[in-house]
ModelCIF file with pLDDT and N, C-alpha, C, O atoms, coordinates in Angstrom:
data_MODEL
#
_entry.id   MODEL 
#
_entity.id                         1 
_entity.type                       polymer 
_entity.pdbx_number_of_molecules   1 
#
_entity_poly.entity_id                      1 
_entity_poly.type                           'polypeptide(L)' 
_entity_poly.nstd_linkage                   no 
_entity_poly.nstd_monomer                   no 
_entity_poly.pdbx_seq_one_letter_code       ILSRFIEPWMTEQALANLSLTGSMLIFCVGVNLIWEKKFKVANMLPT 
_entity_poly.pdbx_seq_one_letter_code_can   ILSRFIEPWMTEQALANLSLTGSMLIFCVGVNLIWEKKFKVANMLPT 
_entity_poly.pdbx_strand_id                 A 
#
loop_
_entity_poly_seq.entity_id 
_entity_poly_seq.num 
_entity_poly_seq.mon_id 
_entity_poly_seq.hetero 
1 1  ILE n 
1 2  LEU n 
1 3  SER n 
1 4  ARG n 
1 5  PHE n 
1 6  ILE n 
1 7  GLU n 
1 8  PRO n 
1 9  TRP n 
1 10 MET n 
1 11 THR n 
1 12 GLU n 
1 13 GLN n 
1 14 ALA n 
1 15 LEU n 
1 16 ALA n 
1 17 ASN n 
1 18 LEU n 
1 19 SER n 
1 20 LEU n 
1 21 THR n 
1 22 GLY n 
1 23 SER n 
1 24 MET n 
1 25 LEU n 
1 26 ILE n 
1 27 PHE n 
1 28 CYS n 
1 29 VAL n 
1 30 GLY n 
1 31 VAL n 
1 32 ASN n 
1 33 LEU n 
1 34 ILE n 
1 35 TRP n 
1 36 GLU n 
1 37 LYS n 
1 38 LYS n 
1 39 PHE n 
1 40 LYS n 
1 41 VAL n 
1 42 ALA n 
1 43 ASN n 
1 44 MET n 
1 45 LEU n 
1 46 PRO n 
1 47 THR n 
#
_struct_asym.id          A 
_struct_asym.entity_id   1 
#
loop_
_ma_qa_metric.id 
_ma_qa_metric.mode 
_ma_qa_metric.name 
_ma_qa_metric.software_group_id 
_ma_qa_metric.type 
1 global pLDDT . pLDDT 
2 local  pLDDT . pLDDT 
#
_ma_qa_metric_global.metric_id      1 
_ma_qa_metric_global.metric_value   68.06 
_ma_qa_metric_global.model_id       1 
_ma_qa_metric_global.ordinal_id     1 
#
loop_
_ma_qa_metric_local.label_asym_id 
_ma_qa_metric_local.label_comp_id 
_ma_qa_metric_local.label_seq_id 
_ma_qa_metric_local.metric_id 
_ma_qa_metric_local.metric_value 
_ma_qa_metric_local.model_id 
_ma_qa_metric_local.ordinal_id 
A ILE 1  2 80.00 1 1  
A LEU 2  2 73.00 1 2  
A SER 3  2 73.00 1 3  
A ARG 4  2 71.00 1 4  
A PHE 5  2 73.00 1 5  
A ILE 6  2 69.00 1 6  
A GLU 7  2 67.00 1 7  
A PRO 8  2 69.00 1 8  
A TRP 9  2 67.00 1 9  
A MET 10 2 64.00 1 10 
A THR 11 2 67.00 1 11 
A GLU 12 2 69.00 1 12 
A GLN 13 2 75.00 1 13 
A ALA 14 2 70.00 1 14 
A LEU 15 2 65.00 1 15 
A ALA 16 2 72.00 1 16 
A ASN 17 2 75.00 1 17 
A LEU 18 2 68.00 1 18 
A SER 19 2 68.00 1 19 
A LEU 20 2 75.00 1 20 
A THR 21 2 74.00 1 21 
A GLY 22 2 65.00 1 22 
A SER 23 2 69.00 1 23 
A MET 24 2 75.00 1 24 
A LEU 25 2 67.00 1 25 
A ILE 26 2 64.00 1 26 
A PHE 27 2 72.00 1 27 
A CYS 28 2 71.00 1 28 
A VAL 29 2 61.00 1 29 
A GLY 30 2 61.00 1 30 
A VAL 31 2 69.00 1 31 
A ASN 32 2 62.00 1 32 
A LEU 33 2 56.00 1 33 
A ILE 34 2 65.00 1 34 
A TRP 35 2 65.00 1 35 
A GLU 36 2 55.00 1 36 
A LYS 37 2 55.00 1 37 
A LYS 38 2 63.00 1 38 
A PHE 39 2 68.00 1 39 
A LYS 40 2 69.00 1 40 
A VAL 41 2 61.00 1 41 
A ALA 42 2 61.00 1 42 
A ASN 43 2 69.00 1 43 
A MET 44 2 72.00 1 44 
A LEU 45 2 67.00 1 45 
A PRO 46 2 77.00 1 46 
A THR 47 2 76.00 1 47 
#
loop_
_atom_site.group_PDB 
_atom_site.id 
_atom_site.type_symbol 
_atom_site.label_atom_id 
_atom_site.label_alt_id 
_atom_site.label_comp_id 
_atom_site.label_asym_id 
_atom_site.label_entity_id 
_atom_site.label_seq_id 
_atom_site.pdbx_PDB_ins_code 
_atom_site.Cartn_x 
_atom_site.Cartn_y 
_atom_site.Cartn_z 
_atom_site.occupancy 
_atom_site.B_iso_or_equiv 
_atom_site.pdbx_formal_charge 
_atom_site.auth_seq_id 
_atom_site.auth_comp_id 
_atom_site.auth_asym_id 
_atom_site.auth_atom_id 
_atom_site.pdbx_PDB_model_num 
ATOM 1   N N  . ILE A 1 1  ? -147.528 -19.142 -48.830 1.00 80.00 ? 1  ILE A N  1 
ATOM 2   C CA . ILE A 1 1  ? -148.359 -17.756 -48.760 1.00 80.00 ? 1  ILE A CA 1 
ATOM 3   C C  . ILE A 1 1  ? -147.928 -17.361 -47.514 1.00 80.00 ? 1  ILE A C  1 
ATOM 4   O O  . ILE A 1 1  ? -147.439 -16.272 -47.813 1.00 80.00 ? 1  ILE A O  1 
ATOM 5   N N  . LEU A 1 2  ? -147.793 -17.457 -46.543 1.00 73.00 ? 2  LEU A N  1 
ATOM 6   C CA . LEU A 1 2  ? -147.788 -16.868 -45.022 1.00 73.00 ? 2  LEU A CA 1 
ATOM 7   C C  . LEU A 1 2  ? -146.087 -16.169 -45.406 1.00 73.00 ? 2  LEU A C  1 
ATOM 8   O O  . LEU A 1 2  ? -145.617 -15.042 -45.253 1.00 73.00 ? 2  LEU A O  1 
ATOM 9   N N  . SER A 1 3  ? -145.544 -17.400 -45.930 1.00 73.00 ? 3  SER A N  1 
ATOM 10  C CA . SER A 1 3  ? -143.743 -16.564 -46.152 1.00 73.00 ? 3  SER A CA 1 
ATOM 11  C C  . SER A 1 3  ? -143.669 -15.261 -46.833 1.00 73.00 ? 3  SER A C  1 
ATOM 12  O O  . SER A 1 3  ? -142.817 -14.416 -46.557 1.00 73.00 ? 3  SER A O  1 
ATOM 13  N N  . ARG A 1 4  ? -144.527 -15.128 -47.676 1.00 71.00 ? 4  ARG A N  1 
ATOM 14  C CA . ARG A 1 4  ? -144.317 -13.589 -48.420 1.00 71.00 ? 4  ARG A CA 1 
ATOM 15  C C  . ARG A 1 4  ? -144.783 -12.388 -47.457 1.00 71.00 ? 4  ARG A C  1 
ATOM 16  O O  . ARG A 1 4  ? -144.486 -11.240 -47.788 1.00 71.00 ? 4  ARG A O  1 
ATOM 17  N N  . PHE A 1 5  ? -145.449 -12.603 -46.367 1.00 73.00 ? 5  PHE A N  1 
ATOM 18  C CA . PHE A 1 5  ? -145.678 -11.626 -45.619 1.00 73.00 ? 5  PHE A CA 1 
ATOM 19  C C  . PHE A 1 5  ? -144.302 -11.340 -44.480 1.00 73.00 ? 5  PHE A C  1 
ATOM 20  O O  . PHE A 1 5  ? -144.379 -10.483 -43.600 1.00 73.00 ? 5  PHE A O  1 
ATOM 21  N N  . ILE A 1 6  ? -143.181 -12.138 -44.666 1.00 69.00 ? 6  ILE A N  1 
ATOM 22  C CA . ILE A 1 6  ? -141.870 -11.838 -44.290 1.00 69.00 ? 6  ILE A CA 1 
ATOM 23  C C  . ILE A 1 6  ? -140.781 -11.557 -45.182 1.00 69.00 ? 6  ILE A C  1 
ATOM 24  O O  . ILE A 1 6  ? -139.574 -11.586 -44.938 1.00 69.00 ? 6  ILE A O  1 
ATOM 25  N N  . GLU A 1 7  ? -141.294 -11.319 -46.103 1.00 67.00 ? 7  GLU A N  1 
ATOM 26  C CA . GLU A 1 7  ? -140.042 -10.963 -47.511 1.00 67.00 ? 7  GLU A CA 1 
ATOM 27  C C  . GLU A 1 7  ? -139.415 -9.765  -47.116 1.00 67.00 ? 7  GLU A C  1 
ATOM 28  O O  . GLU A 1 7  ? -138.233 -9.574  -47.403 1.00 67.00 ? 7  GLU A O  1 
ATOM 29  N N  . PRO A 1 8  ? -140.222 -8.759  -46.352 1.00 69.00 ? 8  PRO A N  1 
ATOM 30  C CA . PRO A 1 8  ? -139.234 -7.620  -46.208 1.00 69.00 ? 8  PRO A CA 1 
ATOM 31  C C  . PRO A 1 8  ? -137.967 -7.872  -45.686 1.00 69.00 ? 8  PRO A C  1 
ATOM 32  O O  . PRO A 1 8  ? -136.988 -7.299  -46.164 1.00 69.00 ? 8  PRO A O  1 
ATOM 33  N N  . TRP A 1 9  ? -137.830 -8.935  -44.441 1.00 67.00 ? 9  TRP A N  1 
ATOM 34  C CA . TRP A 1 9  ? -137.137 -8.889  -43.305 1.00 67.00 ? 9  TRP A CA 1 
ATOM 35  C C  . TRP A 1 9  ? -136.262 -9.925  -43.815 1.00 67.00 ? 9  TRP A C  1 
ATOM 36  O O  . TRP A 1 9  ? -135.255 -10.176 -43.153 1.00 67.00 ? 9  TRP A O  1 
ATOM 37  N N  . MET A 1 10 ? -136.560 -10.804 -45.277 1.00 64.00 ? 10 MET A N  1 
ATOM 38  C CA . MET A 1 10 ? -135.461 -11.619 -45.678 1.00 64.00 ? 10 MET A CA 1 
ATOM 39  C C  . MET A 1 10 ? -134.347 -10.965 -46.816 1.00 64.00 ? 10 MET A C  1 
ATOM 40  O O  . MET A 1 10 ? -134.564 -10.645 -47.985 1.00 64.00 ? 10 MET A O  1 
ATOM 41  N N  . THR A 1 11 ? -133.332 -10.903 -46.187 1.00 67.00 ? 11 THR A N  1 
ATOM 42  C CA . THR A 1 11 ? -132.232 -10.253 -46.527 1.00 67.00 ? 11 THR A CA 1 
ATOM 43  C C  . THR A 1 11 ? -131.576 -11.245 -47.064 1.00 67.00 ? 11 THR A C  1 
ATOM 44  O O  . THR A 1 11 ? -131.976 -12.388 -46.843 1.00 67.00 ? 11 THR A O  1 
ATOM 45  N N  . GLU A 1 12 ? -130.329 -11.006 -47.956 1.00 69.00 ? 12 GLU A N  1 
ATOM 46  C CA . GLU A 1 12 ? -129.771 -11.835 -48.189 1.00 69.00 ? 12 GLU A CA 1 
ATOM 47  C C  . GLU A 1 12 ? -128.790 -13.004 -47.189 1.00 69.00 ? 12 GLU A C  1 
ATOM 48  O O  . GLU A 1 12 ? -128.487 -14.173 -47.426 1.00 69.00 ? 12 GLU A O  1 
ATOM 49  N N  . GLN A 1 13 ? -128.535 -12.285 -46.238 1.00 75.00 ? 13 GLN A N  1 
ATOM 50  C CA . GLN A 1 13 ? -127.910 -12.746 -44.997 1.00 75.00 ? 13 GLN A CA 1 
ATOM 51  C C  . GLN A 1 13 ? -128.829 -13.566 -44.661 1.00 75.00 ? 13 GLN A C  1 
ATOM 52  O O  . GLN A 1 13 ? -128.405 -14.696 -44.417 1.00 75.00 ? 13 GLN A O  1 
ATOM 53  N N  . ALA A 1 14 ? -130.038 -13.403 -44.547 1.00 70.00 ? 14 ALA A N  1 
ATOM 54  C CA . ALA A 1 14 ? -130.839 -13.869 -43.926 1.00 70.00 ? 14 ALA A CA 1 
ATOM 55  C C  . ALA A 1 14 ? -131.453 -15.174 -44.479 1.00 70.00 ? 14 ALA A C  1 
ATOM 56  O O  . ALA A 1 14 ? -132.068 -16.021 -43.831 1.00 70.00 ? 14 ALA A O  1 
ATOM 57  N N  . LEU A 1 15 ? -131.088 -15.180 -46.178 1.00 65.00 ? 15 LEU A N  1 
ATOM 58  C CA . LEU A 1 15 ? -131.894 -16.337 -46.579 1.00 65.00 ? 15 LEU A CA 1 
ATOM 59  C C  . LEU A 1 15 ? -130.185 -17.040 -46.727 1.00 65.00 ? 15 LEU A C  1 
ATOM 60  O O  . LEU A 1 15 ? -130.195 -18.271 -46.737 1.00 65.00 ? 15 LEU A O  1 
ATOM 61  N N  . ALA A 1 16 ? -129.334 -16.646 -46.795 1.00 72.00 ? 16 ALA A N  1 
ATOM 62  C CA . ALA A 1 16 ? -128.205 -17.650 -46.417 1.00 72.00 ? 16 ALA A CA 1 
ATOM 63  C C  . ALA A 1 16 ? -128.478 -18.250 -45.194 1.00 72.00 ? 16 ALA A C  1 
ATOM 64  O O  . ALA A 1 16 ? -129.060 -19.334 -45.237 1.00 72.00 ? 16 ALA A O  1 
ATOM 65  N N  . ASN A 1 17 ? -128.117 -17.675 -43.868 1.00 75.00 ? 17 ASN A N  1 
ATOM 66  C CA . ASN A 1 17 ? -128.757 -18.531 -42.825 1.00 75.00 ? 17 ASN A CA 1 
ATOM 67  C C  . ASN A 1 17 ? -129.654 -19.450 -42.725 1.00 75.00 ? 17 ASN A C  1 
ATOM 68  O O  . ASN A 1 17 ? -129.504 -20.448 -42.021 1.00 75.00 ? 17 ASN A O  1 
ATOM 69  N N  . LEU A 1 18 ? -131.052 -19.120 -43.671 1.00 68.00 ? 18 LEU A N  1 
ATOM 70  C CA . LEU A 1 18 ? -131.912 -19.651 -43.825 1.00 68.00 ? 18 LEU A CA 1 
ATOM 71  C C  . LEU A 1 18 ? -131.738 -21.270 -44.233 1.00 68.00 ? 18 LEU A C  1 
ATOM 72  O O  . LEU A 1 18 ? -131.962 -22.378 -43.744 1.00 68.00 ? 18 LEU A O  1 
ATOM 73  N N  . SER A 1 19 ? -130.995 -20.459 -45.882 1.00 68.00 ? 19 SER A N  1 
ATOM 74  C CA . SER A 1 19 ? -130.724 -21.907 -46.289 1.00 68.00 ? 19 SER A CA 1 
ATOM 75  C C  . SER A 1 19 ? -129.646 -22.979 -45.319 1.00 68.00 ? 19 SER A C  1 
ATOM 76  O O  . SER A 1 19 ? -129.931 -24.169 -45.188 1.00 68.00 ? 19 SER A O  1 
ATOM 77  N N  . LEU A 1 20 ? -128.491 -22.417 -44.728 1.00 75.00 ? 20 LEU A N  1 
ATOM 78  C CA . LEU A 1 20 ? -127.770 -22.921 -44.132 1.00 75.00 ? 20 LEU A CA 1 
ATOM 79  C C  . LEU A 1 20 ? -128.217 -24.061 -43.003 1.00 75.00 ? 20 LEU A C  1 
ATOM 80  O O  . LEU A 1 20 ? -127.793 -25.211 -42.883 1.00 75.00 ? 20 LEU A O  1 
ATOM 81  N N  . THR A 1 21 ? -129.307 -23.289 -42.145 1.00 74.00 ? 21 THR A N  1 
ATOM 82  C CA . THR A 1 21 ? -130.388 -23.766 -41.341 1.00 74.00 ? 21 THR A CA 1 
ATOM 83  C C  . THR A 1 21 ? -130.724 -25.277 -41.940 1.00 74.00 ? 21 THR A C  1 
ATOM 84  O O  . THR A 1 21 ? -130.126 -26.309 -41.635 1.00 74.00 ? 21 THR A O  1 
ATOM 85  N N  . GLY A 1 22 ? -131.750 -25.159 -42.801 1.00 65.00 ? 22 GLY A N  1 
ATOM 86  C CA . GLY A 1 22 ? -132.228 -26.171 -43.395 1.00 65.00 ? 22 GLY A CA 1 
ATOM 87  C C  . GLY A 1 22 ? -131.382 -27.319 -43.783 1.00 65.00 ? 22 GLY A C  1 
ATOM 88  O O  . GLY A 1 22 ? -131.677 -28.513 -43.726 1.00 65.00 ? 22 GLY A O  1 
ATOM 89  N N  . SER A 1 23 ? -130.024 -26.640 -44.281 1.00 69.00 ? 23 SER A N  1 
ATOM 90  C CA . SER A 1 23 ? -129.364 -27.948 -44.862 1.00 69.00 ? 23 SER A CA 1 
ATOM 91  C C  . SER A 1 23 ? -128.776 -28.642 -43.543 1.00 69.00 ? 23 SER A C  1 
ATOM 92  O O  . SER A 1 23 ? -128.649 -29.860 -43.659 1.00 69.00 ? 23 SER A O  1 
ATOM 93  N N  . MET A 1 24 ? -128.406 -28.120 -42.357 1.00 75.00 ? 24 MET A N  1 
ATOM 94  C CA . MET A 1 24 ? -128.243 -29.061 -41.244 1.00 75.00 ? 24 MET A CA 1 
ATOM 95  C C  . MET A 1 24 ? -129.897 -29.806 -40.579 1.00 75.00 ? 24 MET A C  1 
ATOM 96  O O  . MET A 1 24 ? -129.965 -30.997 -40.275 1.00 75.00 ? 24 MET A O  1 
ATOM 97  N N  . LEU A 1 25 ? -130.911 -28.996 -40.475 1.00 67.00 ? 25 LEU A N  1 
ATOM 98  C CA . LEU A 1 25 ? -131.908 -30.039 -40.306 1.00 67.00 ? 25 LEU A CA 1 
ATOM 99  C C  . LEU A 1 25 ? -132.111 -31.233 -41.123 1.00 67.00 ? 25 LEU A C  1 
ATOM 100 O O  . LEU A 1 25 ? -132.503 -32.317 -40.691 1.00 67.00 ? 25 LEU A O  1 
ATOM 101 N N  . ILE A 1 26 ? -131.681 -30.830 -42.883 1.00 64.00 ? 26 ILE A N  1 
ATOM 102 C CA . ILE A 1 26 ? -131.723 -32.025 -43.139 1.00 64.00 ? 26 ILE A CA 1 
ATOM 103 C C  . ILE A 1 26 ? -130.803 -33.160 -42.965 1.00 64.00 ? 26 ILE A C  1 
ATOM 104 O O  . ILE A 1 26 ? -131.101 -34.355 -42.973 1.00 64.00 ? 26 ILE A O  1 
ATOM 105 N N  . PHE A 1 27 ? -129.870 -32.732 -42.837 1.00 72.00 ? 27 PHE A N  1 
ATOM 106 C CA . PHE A 1 27 ? -128.806 -33.808 -42.628 1.00 72.00 ? 27 PHE A CA 1 
ATOM 107 C C  . PHE A 1 27 ? -129.259 -34.432 -41.397 1.00 72.00 ? 27 PHE A C  1 
ATOM 108 O O  . PHE A 1 27 ? -129.349 -35.657 -41.469 1.00 72.00 ? 27 PHE A O  1 
ATOM 109 N N  . CYS A 1 28 ? -129.614 -33.821 -40.114 1.00 71.00 ? 28 CYS A N  1 
ATOM 110 C CA . CYS A 1 28 ? -129.985 -34.511 -39.418 1.00 71.00 ? 28 CYS A CA 1 
ATOM 111 C C  . CYS A 1 28 ? -131.345 -35.364 -39.479 1.00 71.00 ? 28 CYS A C  1 
ATOM 112 O O  . CYS A 1 28 ? -131.683 -36.079 -38.536 1.00 71.00 ? 28 CYS A O  1 
ATOM 113 N N  . VAL A 1 29 ? -132.137 -35.232 -40.714 1.00 61.00 ? 29 VAL A N  1 
ATOM 114 C CA . VAL A 1 29 ? -133.451 -35.659 -40.642 1.00 61.00 ? 29 VAL A CA 1 
ATOM 115 C C  . VAL A 1 29 ? -132.588 -37.364 -41.406 1.00 61.00 ? 29 VAL A C  1 
ATOM 116 O O  . VAL A 1 29 ? -133.281 -38.376 -41.509 1.00 61.00 ? 29 VAL A O  1 
ATOM 117 N N  . GLY A 1 30 ? -131.339 -37.367 -41.769 1.00 61.00 ? 30 GLY A N  1 
ATOM 118 C CA . GLY A 1 30 ? -131.222 -38.261 -42.779 1.00 61.00 ? 30 GLY A CA 1 
ATOM 119 C C  . GLY A 1 30 ? -130.384 -39.007 -41.804 1.00 61.00 ? 30 GLY A C  1 
ATOM 120 O O  . GLY A 1 30 ? -130.502 -40.233 -41.794 1.00 61.00 ? 30 GLY A O  1 
ATOM 121 N N  . VAL A 1 31 ? -129.556 -38.438 -40.986 1.00 69.00 ? 31 VAL A N  1 
ATOM 122 C CA . VAL A 1 31 ? -129.295 -39.174 -39.942 1.00 69.00 ? 31 VAL A CA 1 
ATOM 123 C C  . VAL A 1 31 ? -130.532 -40.230 -39.158 1.00 69.00 ? 31 VAL A C  1 
ATOM 124 O O  . VAL A 1 31 ? -130.280 -41.409 -38.910 1.00 69.00 ? 31 VAL A O  1 
ATOM 125 N N  . ASN A 1 32 ? -131.632 -39.700 -38.889 1.00 62.00 ? 32 ASN A N  1 
ATOM 126 C CA . ASN A 1 32 ? -132.278 -40.491 -38.160 1.00 62.00 ? 32 ASN A CA 1 
ATOM 127 C C  . ASN A 1 32 ? -132.706 -41.395 -39.179 1.00 62.00 ? 32 ASN A C  1 
ATOM 128 O O  . ASN A 1 32 ? -132.794 -42.582 -38.864 1.00 62.00 ? 32 ASN A O  1 
ATOM 129 N N  . LEU A 1 33 ? -132.944 -41.102 -40.160 1.00 56.00 ? 33 LEU A N  1 
ATOM 130 C CA . LEU A 1 33 ? -133.689 -42.472 -41.084 1.00 56.00 ? 33 LEU A CA 1 
ATOM 131 C C  . LEU A 1 33 ? -132.820 -43.500 -40.974 1.00 56.00 ? 33 LEU A C  1 
ATOM 132 O O  . LEU A 1 33 ? -133.334 -44.539 -40.560 1.00 56.00 ? 33 LEU A O  1 
ATOM 133 N N  . ILE A 1 34 ? -131.812 -43.534 -41.182 1.00 65.00 ? 34 ILE A N  1 
ATOM 134 C CA . ILE A 1 34 ? -129.999 -44.176 -41.016 1.00 65.00 ? 34 ILE A CA 1 
ATOM 135 C C  . ILE A 1 34 ? -130.103 -44.977 -39.710 1.00 65.00 ? 34 ILE A C  1 
ATOM 136 O O  . ILE A 1 34 ? -130.283 -46.194 -39.683 1.00 65.00 ? 34 ILE A O  1 
ATOM 137 N N  . TRP A 1 35 ? -129.975 -44.200 -38.642 1.00 65.00 ? 35 TRP A N  1 
ATOM 138 C CA . TRP A 1 35 ? -129.944 -44.615 -37.388 1.00 65.00 ? 35 TRP A CA 1 
ATOM 139 C C  . TRP A 1 35 ? -130.268 -44.738 -36.485 1.00 65.00 ? 35 TRP A C  1 
ATOM 140 O O  . TRP A 1 35 ? -129.602 -45.076 -35.506 1.00 65.00 ? 35 TRP A O  1 
ATOM 141 N N  . GLU A 1 36 ? -132.085 -44.356 -36.574 1.00 55.00 ? 36 GLU A N  1 
ATOM 142 C CA . GLU A 1 36 ? -133.274 -44.221 -35.960 1.00 55.00 ? 36 GLU A CA 1 
ATOM 143 C C  . GLU A 1 36 ? -133.483 -43.786 -34.927 1.00 55.00 ? 36 GLU A C  1 
ATOM 144 O O  . GLU A 1 36 ? -133.543 -44.403 -33.864 1.00 55.00 ? 36 GLU A O  1 
ATOM 145 N N  . LYS A 1 37 ? -133.713 -41.920 -35.238 1.00 55.00 ? 37 LYS A N  1 
ATOM 146 C CA . LYS A 1 37 ? -133.925 -41.106 -34.090 1.00 55.00 ? 37 LYS A CA 1 
ATOM 147 C C  . LYS A 1 37 ? -132.651 -40.486 -33.107 1.00 55.00 ? 37 LYS A C  1 
ATOM 148 O O  . LYS A 1 37 ? -132.748 -40.337 -31.889 1.00 55.00 ? 37 LYS A O  1 
ATOM 149 N N  . LYS A 1 38 ? -131.377 -40.148 -33.972 1.00 63.00 ? 38 LYS A N  1 
ATOM 150 C CA . LYS A 1 38 ? -130.565 -39.925 -32.961 1.00 63.00 ? 38 LYS A CA 1 
ATOM 151 C C  . LYS A 1 38 ? -130.727 -38.524 -32.312 1.00 63.00 ? 38 LYS A C  1 
ATOM 152 O O  . LYS A 1 38 ? -130.399 -38.132 -31.192 1.00 63.00 ? 38 LYS A O  1 
ATOM 153 N N  . PHE A 1 39 ? -131.368 -37.845 -33.410 1.00 68.00 ? 39 PHE A N  1 
ATOM 154 C CA . PHE A 1 39 ? -131.629 -36.546 -33.158 1.00 68.00 ? 39 PHE A CA 1 
ATOM 155 C C  . PHE A 1 39 ? -133.632 -35.502 -33.165 1.00 68.00 ? 39 PHE A C  1 
ATOM 156 O O  . PHE A 1 39 ? -134.658 -35.481 -33.844 1.00 68.00 ? 39 PHE A O  1 
ATOM 157 N N  . LYS A 1 40 ? -133.111 -34.922 -32.043 1.00 69.00 ? 40 LYS A N  1 
ATOM 158 C CA . LYS A 1 40 ? -134.875 -34.556 -32.486 1.00 69.00 ? 40 LYS A CA 1 
ATOM 159 C C  . LYS A 1 40 ? -134.824 -33.447 -33.006 1.00 69.00 ? 40 LYS A C  1 
ATOM 160 O O  . LYS A 1 40 ? -134.460 -32.458 -32.370 1.00 69.00 ? 40 LYS A O  1 
ATOM 161 N N  . VAL A 1 41 ? -135.134 -33.413 -34.102 1.00 61.00 ? 41 VAL A N  1 
ATOM 162 C CA . VAL A 1 41 ? -135.025 -32.414 -35.327 1.00 61.00 ? 41 VAL A CA 1 
ATOM 163 C C  . VAL A 1 41 ? -136.534 -31.138 -34.787 1.00 61.00 ? 41 VAL A C  1 
ATOM 164 O O  . VAL A 1 41 ? -136.560 -29.911 -34.694 1.00 61.00 ? 41 VAL A O  1 
ATOM 165 N N  . ALA A 1 42 ? -137.674 -32.306 -34.526 1.00 61.00 ? 42 ALA A N  1 
ATOM 166 C CA . ALA A 1 42 ? -138.947 -31.077 -34.296 1.00 61.00 ? 42 ALA A CA 1 
ATOM 167 C C  . ALA A 1 42 ? -138.307 -29.948 -33.057 1.00 61.00 ? 42 ALA A C  1 
ATOM 168 O O  . ALA A 1 42 ? -138.623 -28.758 -33.027 1.00 61.00 ? 42 ALA A O  1 
ATOM 169 N N  . ASN A 1 43 ? -137.417 -30.567 -32.140 1.00 69.00 ? 43 ASN A N  1 
ATOM 170 C CA . ASN A 1 43 ? -136.892 -29.462 -31.046 1.00 69.00 ? 43 ASN A CA 1 
ATOM 171 C C  . ASN A 1 43 ? -136.140 -28.089 -31.941 1.00 69.00 ? 43 ASN A C  1 
ATOM 172 O O  . ASN A 1 43 ? -136.404 -26.904 -31.735 1.00 69.00 ? 43 ASN A O  1 
ATOM 173 N N  . MET A 1 44 ? -135.213 -28.589 -32.901 1.00 72.00 ? 44 MET A N  1 
ATOM 174 C CA . MET A 1 44 ? -134.407 -27.770 -33.587 1.00 72.00 ? 44 MET A CA 1 
ATOM 175 C C  . MET A 1 44 ? -135.482 -27.045 -34.548 1.00 72.00 ? 44 MET A C  1 
ATOM 176 O O  . MET A 1 44 ? -134.902 -27.072 -35.634 1.00 72.00 ? 44 MET A O  1 
ATOM 177 N N  . LEU A 1 45 ? -136.554 -26.500 -34.724 1.00 67.00 ? 45 LEU A N  1 
ATOM 178 C CA . LEU A 1 45 ? -137.492 -26.045 -35.563 1.00 67.00 ? 45 LEU A CA 1 
ATOM 179 C C  . LEU A 1 45 ? -137.236 -24.303 -35.172 1.00 67.00 ? 45 LEU A C  1 
ATOM 180 O O  . LEU A 1 45 ? -137.575 -23.496 -36.038 1.00 67.00 ? 45 LEU A O  1 
ATOM 181 N N  . PRO A 1 46 ? -136.691 -23.824 -33.979 1.00 77.00 ? 46 PRO A N  1 
ATOM 182 C CA . PRO A 1 46 ? -136.782 -22.740 -33.421 1.00 77.00 ? 46 PRO A CA 1 
ATOM 183 C C  . PRO A 1 46 ? -135.930 -22.125 -34.343 1.00 77.00 ? 46 PRO A C  1 
ATOM 184 O O  . PRO A 1 46 ? -136.341 -21.199 -35.043 1.00 77.00 ? 46 PRO A O  1 
ATOM 185 N N  . THR A 1 47 ? -134.467 -22.663 -34.434 1.00 76.00 ? 47 THR A N  1 
ATOM 186 C CA . THR A 1 47 ? -133.664 -22.187 -34.999 1.00 76.00 ? 47 THR A CA 1 
ATOM 187 C C  . THR A 1 47 ? -133.562 -21.883 -36.745 1.00 76.00 ? 47 THR A C  1 
ATOM 188 O O  . THR A 1 47 ? -132.571 -21.328 -37.218 1.00 76.00 ? 47 THR A O  1 
#
C-alpha cells in the first residue's frame, strides 16, 4: 500500500533497476539456503 505513494517516481527504468536488484537479492537468498549464509542479504536492502 505504501509503495503507491512513490509511484510517480517509479519510471520504466526505475522499475527495471528494481526488478534487477530484486533478482540479485533473490539469488543471494538462494545461495544462503544452499550454502548456509554466505551473503548478508539484509545489509543489501538499501540497494
